[in-house]
């Protein structure tokens, strides 16, 4: 009987022990003994509120009812967005968004957790102070140009200040410098005006170059044209001189100028009739006036010849006068023959010119002085 009672007592004790163990393993007591830490996180174990150790990733144990754990501390790279409104040196209010990338060092989790009560607020304070100090000494245009310098200044200040608290500042980015909308509109207007001025200057320079080049081309063209006209006139003069020399060689010396004048006149008329752009050629409408013009040309030629002969022989003796008179008579006969040949040539040219005119043109008939025998060169 006593053995049975002892067995029952032992069984009861074992059951109670098993119940206690089960409660510890599967009840709330288990959670107070074991805990899990995720990757890139750290948990601080405290005993009666005092730091005991840092638990890293994996399964960790602590003494139940004695040790406590804190909230997980992230070891990842984190980013803090800070929007700062400040004033530049030229009294322009701007908004500067700054992104701070930081990370808690693995071996300084204790300092990062216990030293700072609100790390993000303290980082914002440092960023505000550094950015406002930098912008207060810069004008708006210089601030845009110095954006990277401001970012480096913020990063340097934060790194020096937060390093001792276990925070590693990886990078600091000044994302933008945004003034008020009216200031942006004014800046765009100024920029547009400057670009318009540069464009106007470029167009003016291009127009100047164009005009100068055109003027130089015109000057060169006129110079070459002048040289061409001069060469043409020189050639004409040399041709006339050659003709005059040829006339002197064949014995026509005193009336050579008149013959050249007549030849030049008819050559000009022929050139106008053949090469003129107009189909109409205006000539004197009265045939009599055309004939008078021919008579005047012949009379002028004869009077000029007579005047030259009279001046040449005014002081000669009577014998010389007789000899010269005979020679003059021979020359007159020769000149009469030459004038007759010139007249026939002129008639031929006039007939050719008349054939080229329209049939119904007034005065298109052959002028009286162009008919053979209509006028006598000697009068």
Protein backbone atom coordinates (compact mmCIF):
# COMPACT_ATOMS: atom_id res chain seq x y z
CA UNK A 1 0.00 0.00 0.00
CA UNK A 2 2.79 2.38 0.88
CA UNK A 3 4.53 1.54 -2.37
CA UNK A 4 1.43 2.42 -4.34
CA UNK A 5 1.13 5.75 -2.58
CA UNK A 6 4.77 6.50 -3.30
CA UNK A 7 4.27 5.67 -6.94
CA UNK A 8 1.28 7.98 -7.18
CA UNK A 9 3.21 10.83 -5.56
CA UNK A 10 6.12 10.36 -7.95
CA UNK A 11 3.75 10.33 -10.92
CA UNK A 12 2.08 13.51 -9.77
CA UNK A 13 5.45 15.23 -9.35
CA UNK A 14 6.50 14.17 -12.86
CA UNK A 15 3.25 15.45 -14.34
CA UNK A 16 3.66 18.81 -12.61
CA UNK A 17 7.26 18.98 -13.81
CA UNK A 18 6.21 18.16 -17.35
CA UNK A 19 3.50 20.80 -17.17
CA UNK A 20 6.00 23.39 -16.00
CA UNK A 21 8.44 22.48 -18.76
CA UNK A 22 5.66 22.59 -21.35
CA UNK A 23 4.60 25.97 -20.09
CA UNK A 24 8.15 27.23 -20.35
CA UNK A 25 8.62 25.85 -23.86
CA UNK A 26 5.27 26.64 -25.43
CA UNK A 27 3.84 29.41 -23.30
CA UNK A 28 4.72 33.06 -22.59
CA UNK A 29 7.79 31.97 -20.73
CA UNK A 30 9.30 30.82 -24.04
CA UNK A 31 9.01 34.26 -25.52
CA UNK A 32 10.78 35.69 -22.53
CA UNK A 33 13.72 33.36 -22.99
CA UNK A 34 14.28 33.36 -26.81
CA UNK A 35 14.04 36.06 -29.48
CA UNK A 36 14.99 36.44 -33.12
CA UNK A 37 16.91 39.33 -34.72
CA UNK A 38 16.57 39.99 -38.48
CA UNK A 39 19.40 40.65 -40.89
CA UNK A 40 20.77 44.24 -40.90
CA UNK A 41 19.21 44.84 -37.50
CA UNK A 42 20.51 44.86 -33.94
CA UNK A 43 18.76 44.48 -30.59
CA UNK A 44 20.08 45.72 -27.26
CA UNK A 45 19.60 43.40 -24.24
CA UNK A 46 19.15 45.22 -20.94
CA UNK A 47 19.13 43.72 -17.46
CA UNK A 48 17.09 45.68 -14.98
CA UNK A 49 17.33 48.68 -17.34
CA UNK A 50 21.11 48.52 -17.66
CA UNK A 51 22.88 47.73 -20.90
CA UNK A 52 24.06 44.15 -21.02
CA UNK A 53 24.91 43.29 -24.64
CA UNK A 54 23.99 43.75 -28.34
CA UNK A 55 22.21 40.87 -30.03
CA UNK A 56 22.76 40.54 -33.79
CA UNK A 57 20.97 38.61 -36.52
CA UNK A 58 19.78 35.08 -35.66
CA UNK A 59 18.32 33.25 -32.62
CA UNK A 60 19.29 34.78 -29.30
CA UNK A 61 18.57 33.92 -25.61
CA UNK A 62 18.01 36.00 -22.54
CA UNK A 63 17.20 35.37 -18.96
CA UNK A 64 13.44 35.43 -18.45
CA UNK A 65 11.96 37.95 -16.06
CA UNK A 66 15.38 39.59 -15.72
CA UNK A 67 16.55 40.65 -19.19
CA UNK A 68 14.63 42.90 -21.54
CA UNK A 69 15.22 43.74 -25.19
CA UNK A 70 14.84 47.12 -26.92
CA UNK A 71 13.23 47.86 -30.26
CA UNK A 72 15.33 46.77 -33.27
CA UNK A 73 17.92 49.24 -34.50
CA UNK A 74 18.19 49.28 -38.33
CA UNK A 75 21.66 48.98 -39.83
CA UNK A 76 20.46 49.73 -43.39
CA UNK A 77 21.26 52.92 -45.32
CA UNK A 78 18.45 55.31 -44.57
CA UNK A 79 17.45 58.57 -46.22
CA UNK A 80 16.11 61.64 -44.50
CA UNK A 81 14.28 64.31 -46.56
CA UNK A 82 14.70 67.87 -45.32
CA UNK A 83 12.95 70.88 -46.92
CA UNK A 84 14.61 74.13 -45.97
CA UNK A 85 13.24 77.62 -46.65
CA UNK A 86 15.90 80.26 -46.49
CA UNK A 87 16.90 83.67 -47.88
CA UNK A 88 19.81 84.42 -50.17
CA UNK A 89 22.14 87.41 -50.01
CA UNK A 90 19.98 89.37 -52.48
CA UNK A 91 16.86 88.82 -50.31
CA UNK A 92 15.23 86.08 -52.39
CA UNK A 93 13.43 83.37 -50.45
CA UNK A 94 14.12 79.89 -51.79
CA UNK A 95 13.13 76.35 -50.86
CA UNK A 96 15.99 73.85 -50.78
CA UNK A 97 15.12 70.13 -50.56
CA UNK A 98 18.08 68.20 -49.11
CA UNK A 99 18.36 64.40 -48.96
CA UNK A 100 20.69 62.97 -46.28
CA UNK A 101 21.72 59.33 -46.60
CA UNK A 102 23.11 57.86 -43.38
CA UNK A 103 23.80 54.51 -41.73
CA UNK A 104 24.37 53.36 -38.15
CA UNK A 105 27.72 51.67 -37.75
CA UNK A 106 27.51 48.09 -36.55
CA UNK A 107 30.06 48.55 -33.80
CA UNK A 108 28.44 51.78 -32.55
CA UNK A 109 24.87 50.67 -32.06
CA UNK A 110 25.05 51.45 -28.34
CA UNK A 111 26.12 55.08 -28.92
CA UNK A 112 23.50 55.56 -31.64
CA UNK A 113 20.76 54.24 -29.38
CA UNK A 114 21.68 55.83 -26.06
CA UNK A 115 23.41 59.11 -27.07
CA UNK A 116 20.65 60.67 -29.22
CA UNK A 117 17.04 60.73 -28.22
CA UNK A 118 15.78 61.83 -31.68
CA UNK A 119 18.49 61.37 -34.30
CA UNK A 120 16.39 62.53 -37.27
CA UNK A 121 15.46 65.82 -35.60
CA UNK A 122 19.07 66.49 -34.72
CA UNK A 123 20.20 65.72 -38.30
CA UNK A 124 17.58 68.20 -39.57
CA UNK A 125 18.93 70.84 -37.23
CA UNK A 126 22.45 70.44 -38.54
CA UNK A 127 21.22 70.54 -42.17
CA UNK A 128 19.16 73.68 -41.52
CA UNK A 129 22.05 75.45 -39.88
CA UNK A 130 24.58 74.57 -42.59
CA UNK A 131 22.34 75.36 -45.59
CA UNK A 132 21.12 78.67 -44.19
CA UNK A 133 24.66 79.74 -43.37
CA UNK A 134 25.79 78.94 -46.92
CA UNK A 135 22.84 80.63 -48.67
CA UNK A 136 23.08 83.82 -46.62
CA UNK A 137 26.44 84.61 -48.25
CA UNK A 138 25.39 83.79 -51.83
CA UNK A 139 23.20 85.56 -54.35
CA UNK A 140 20.55 83.58 -56.20
CA UNK A 141 22.56 83.01 -59.37
CA UNK A 142 25.65 82.05 -57.35
CA UNK A 143 23.53 79.70 -55.23
CA UNK A 144 22.46 77.79 -58.35
CA UNK A 145 26.08 77.50 -59.40
CA UNK A 146 27.23 76.50 -55.90
CA UNK A 147 24.66 73.76 -55.31
CA UNK A 148 27.32 71.04 -55.19
CA UNK A 149 29.46 73.13 -52.87
CA UNK A 150 26.53 73.48 -50.46
CA UNK A 151 25.96 69.73 -50.55
CA UNK A 152 29.61 69.05 -49.74
CA UNK A 153 29.52 71.58 -46.90
CA UNK A 154 26.45 69.91 -45.38
CA UNK A 155 28.03 66.49 -45.71
CA UNK A 156 31.27 67.65 -44.09
CA UNK A 157 29.45 69.28 -41.17
CA UNK A 158 27.16 66.31 -40.56
CA UNK A 159 29.97 63.77 -40.81
CA UNK A 160 32.06 65.60 -38.24
CA UNK A 161 29.12 66.07 -35.90
CA UNK A 162 27.34 62.71 -36.17
CA UNK A 163 30.39 60.46 -36.31
CA UNK A 164 30.75 60.43 -32.53
CA UNK A 165 27.15 59.35 -32.15
CA UNK A 166 27.59 56.30 -34.34
CA UNK A 167 25.98 57.71 -37.50
CA UNK A 168 27.93 57.46 -40.74
CA UNK A 169 26.86 60.14 -43.29
CA UNK A 170 27.17 58.45 -46.67
CA UNK A 171 25.96 61.21 -48.97
CA UNK A 172 24.16 64.54 -48.92
CA UNK A 173 22.21 65.71 -51.97
CA UNK A 174 20.88 69.20 -52.58
CA UNK A 175 18.12 68.26 -54.99
CA UNK A 176 17.03 71.73 -56.07
CA UNK A 177 17.00 75.41 -55.26
CA UNK A 178 13.48 76.61 -55.94
CA UNK A 179 12.60 80.32 -55.60
CA UNK A 180 9.10 81.74 -55.63
CA UNK A 181 7.08 81.37 -58.84
CA UNK A 182 7.16 85.12 -59.53
CA UNK A 183 10.94 85.10 -59.14
CA UNK A 184 11.21 82.18 -61.56
CA UNK A 185 9.04 84.01 -64.07
CA UNK A 186 11.24 87.11 -63.74
CA UNK A 187 14.38 85.02 -64.20
CA UNK A 188 12.90 83.39 -67.30
CA UNK A 189 12.00 86.82 -68.69
CA UNK A 190 15.54 88.09 -68.08
CA UNK A 191 17.01 85.00 -69.67
CA UNK A 192 14.70 85.30 -72.67
CA UNK A 193 15.62 88.98 -73.08
CA UNK A 194 19.32 88.14 -72.95
CA UNK A 195 18.89 85.43 -75.54
CA UNK A 196 16.90 87.79 -77.77
CA UNK A 197 19.69 90.36 -77.47
CA UNK A 198 22.33 87.78 -78.38
CA UNK A 199 20.20 86.62 -81.32
CA UNK A 200 19.75 90.22 -82.49
CA UNK A 201 23.49 90.83 -82.25
CA UNK A 202 24.19 87.66 -84.23
CA UNK A 203 21.68 88.65 -86.90
CA UNK A 204 23.17 92.15 -87.07
CA UNK A 205 26.67 90.73 -87.44
CA UNK A 206 25.47 88.36 -90.17
CA UNK A 207 23.73 91.22 -91.98
CA UNK A 208 26.85 93.37 -91.64
CA UNK A 209 29.03 90.62 -93.09
CA UNK A 210 26.53 90.15 -95.90
CA UNK A 211 26.42 93.85 -96.71
CA UNK A 212 30.20 94.25 -96.54
CA UNK A 213 30.70 91.23 -98.78
CA UNK A 214 28.08 92.52 -101.21
CA UNK A 215 29.68 95.97 -101.24
CA UNK A 216 33.11 94.48 -101.85
CA UNK A 217 31.69 92.34 -104.65
CA UNK A 218 30.00 95.37 -106.22
CA UNK A 219 33.21 97.39 -105.92
CA UNK A 220 35.20 94.60 -107.53
CA UNK A 221 32.56 94.26 -110.25
CA UNK A 222 32.63 97.99 -110.99
CA UNK A 223 36.41 97.97 -111.02
CA UNK A 224 36.49 95.10 -113.49
CA UNK A 225 33.72 96.71 -115.50
CA UNK A 226 35.70 99.95 -115.62
CA UNK A 227 38.79 98.10 -116.73
CA UNK A 228 36.73 96.39 -119.42
CA UNK A 229 35.26 99.69 -120.64
CA UNK A 230 38.70 101.26 -120.62
CA UNK A 231 40.11 98.33 -122.58
CA UNK A 232 37.19 98.54 -125.02
CA UNK A 233 37.68 102.25 -125.56
CA UNK A 234 41.39 101.72 -125.97
CA UNK A 235 40.76 99.04 -128.56
CA UNK A 236 38.29 101.32 -130.39
CA UNK A 237 40.77 104.18 -130.34
CA UNK A 238 43.52 101.94 -131.62
CA UNK A 239 41.23 100.64 -134.34
CA UNK A 240 40.31 104.18 -135.41
CA UNK A 241 43.99 105.11 -135.40
CA UNK A 242 44.78 102.10 -137.56
CA UNK A 243 42.01 103.05 -139.98
CA UNK A 244 43.26 106.61 -140.10
CA UNK A 245 46.77 105.40 -140.88
CA UNK A 246 45.42 103.13 -143.61
CA UNK A 247 43.53 106.06 -145.14
CA UNK A 248 46.68 108.17 -145.04
CA UNK A 249 48.59 105.44 -146.81
CA UNK A 250 46.08 105.35 -149.69
CA UNK A 251 46.16 109.15 -150.04
CA UNK A 252 43.13 110.20 -147.97
CA UNK A 253 44.56 112.51 -145.35
CA UNK A 254 42.60 115.74 -145.10
CA UNK A 255 39.11 114.22 -145.23
CA UNK A 256 39.87 111.09 -143.24
CA UNK A 257 38.03 112.33 -140.12
CA UNK A 258 34.82 112.97 -142.10
CA UNK A 259 34.95 109.58 -143.76
CA UNK A 260 35.52 107.89 -140.43
CA UNK A 261 32.58 109.84 -139.01
CA UNK A 262 30.31 108.72 -141.83
CA UNK A 263 31.49 105.13 -141.53
CA UNK A 264 30.98 105.16 -137.77
CA UNK A 265 27.48 106.61 -138.22
CA UNK A 266 26.37 103.91 -140.64
CA UNK A 267 28.04 101.18 -138.58
CA UNK A 268 26.12 102.39 -135.54
CA UNK A 269 22.83 102.40 -137.43
CA UNK A 270 23.50 98.90 -138.68
CA UNK A 271 24.39 97.68 -135.20
CA UNK A 272 21.22 99.19 -133.73
CA UNK A 273 19.04 97.64 -136.42
CA UNK A 274 20.57 94.19 -136.01
CA UNK A 275 21.32 93.91 -132.29
CA UNK A 276 18.68 96.17 -130.76
CA UNK A 277 16.22 94.48 -128.39
CA UNK A 278 13.32 96.54 -129.69
CA UNK A 279 11.53 95.69 -132.89
CA UNK A 280 10.86 99.38 -133.58
CA UNK A 281 13.52 101.93 -134.54
CA UNK A 282 12.55 105.62 -134.50
CA UNK A 283 14.15 107.71 -137.27
CA UNK A 284 13.21 111.14 -138.64
CA UNK A 285 9.72 110.82 -140.08
CA UNK A 286 10.28 113.44 -142.81
CA UNK A 287 12.34 112.06 -145.71
CA UNK A 288 13.42 115.59 -146.51
CA UNK A 289 15.04 116.00 -143.13
CA UNK A 290 16.96 112.78 -143.72
CA UNK A 291 18.15 114.07 -147.05
CA UNK A 292 19.10 117.40 -145.51
CA UNK A 293 21.11 115.57 -142.90
CA UNK A 294 23.08 113.83 -145.65
CA UNK A 295 23.53 117.11 -147.52
CA UNK A 296 24.78 118.78 -144.33
CA UNK A 297 27.28 116.01 -143.74
CA UNK A 298 28.60 116.29 -147.31
CA UNK A 299 28.67 120.09 -147.21
CA UNK A 300 30.51 120.04 -143.90
CA UNK A 301 33.03 117.67 -145.36
CA UNK A 302 33.57 119.87 -148.43
CA UNK A 303 33.71 123.10 -146.45
CA UNK A 304 36.21 121.62 -144.06
CA UNK A 305 38.33 120.44 -146.95
CA UNK A 306 38.12 123.84 -148.67
CA UNK A 307 39.04 125.67 -145.49
CA UNK A 308 42.02 123.43 -144.95
CA UNK A 309 43.16 123.96 -148.55
CA UNK A 310 42.75 127.75 -148.29
CA UNK A 311 44.73 127.94 -145.08
CA UNK A 312 47.46 125.69 -146.42
CA UNK A 313 48.03 127.71 -149.64
CA UNK A 314 47.31 131.30 -148.54
CA UNK A 315 50.97 132.41 -148.48
CA UNK A 316 52.27 130.52 -151.56
CA UNK A 317 53.47 132.25 -154.70
CA UNK A 318 51.42 132.39 -157.88
CA UNK A 319 53.40 129.60 -159.47
CA UNK A 320 52.99 127.45 -156.48
CA UNK A 321 49.29 128.36 -156.50
CA UNK A 322 48.96 127.13 -160.05
CA UNK A 323 50.79 123.93 -159.29
CA UNK A 324 48.82 123.41 -156.15
CA UNK A 325 45.61 124.28 -157.93
CA UNK A 326 46.34 121.55 -160.43
CA UNK A 327 47.22 119.15 -157.67
CA UNK A 328 44.13 120.25 -155.77
CA UNK A 329 42.02 119.64 -158.86
CA UNK A 330 43.44 116.15 -159.13
CA UNK A 331 42.81 115.55 -155.46
CA UNK A 332 39.27 116.84 -155.82
CA UNK A 333 38.67 114.48 -158.67
CA UNK A 334 40.08 111.65 -156.59
CA UNK A 335 38.01 112.70 -153.60
CA UNK A 336 34.97 113.02 -155.85
CA UNK A 337 35.49 109.45 -156.93
CA UNK A 338 36.01 108.32 -153.37
CA UNK A 339 32.97 110.31 -152.21
CA UNK A 340 30.96 108.71 -155.00
CA UNK A 341 32.03 105.28 -153.83
CA UNK A 342 31.21 106.26 -150.23
CA UNK A 343 27.82 107.56 -151.38
CA UNK A 344 27.06 104.30 -153.16
CA UNK A 345 28.08 102.37 -150.06
CA UNK A 346 25.86 104.63 -147.94
CA UNK A 347 22.94 104.08 -150.31
CA UNK A 348 23.49 100.35 -150.10
CA UNK A 349 23.54 100.44 -146.28
CA UNK A 350 20.44 102.67 -146.19
CA UNK A 351 18.57 100.25 -148.45
CA UNK A 352 19.57 97.35 -146.19
CA UNK A 353 18.40 99.29 -143.12
CA UNK A 354 15.10 100.16 -144.82
CA UNK A 355 14.50 96.51 -145.71
CA UNK A 356 14.80 95.58 -142.01
CA UNK A 357 12.10 98.10 -140.95
CA UNK A 358 8.37 97.27 -140.92
CA UNK A 359 6.71 98.02 -144.26
CA UNK A 360 4.11 100.34 -142.69
CA UNK A 361 6.62 102.38 -140.67
CA UNK A 362 6.45 106.13 -141.53
CA UNK A 363 9.40 107.27 -143.56
CA UNK A 364 10.49 103.71 -144.23
CA UNK A 365 11.18 104.53 -147.87
CA UNK A 366 14.67 105.28 -149.12
CA UNK A 367 15.62 108.91 -148.32
CA UNK A 368 16.16 111.18 -151.33
CA UNK A 369 19.85 111.57 -150.74
CA UNK A 370 20.29 107.79 -150.87
CA UNK A 371 19.16 107.56 -154.56
CA UNK A 372 21.84 107.63 -157.19
CA UNK A 373 22.05 111.01 -158.81
CA UNK A 374 19.74 112.71 -156.29
CA UNK A 375 22.49 114.95 -154.96
CA UNK A 376 25.81 116.12 -156.27
CA UNK A 377 28.73 116.12 -153.81
CA UNK A 378 30.17 119.16 -155.49
CA UNK A 379 26.83 120.98 -155.41
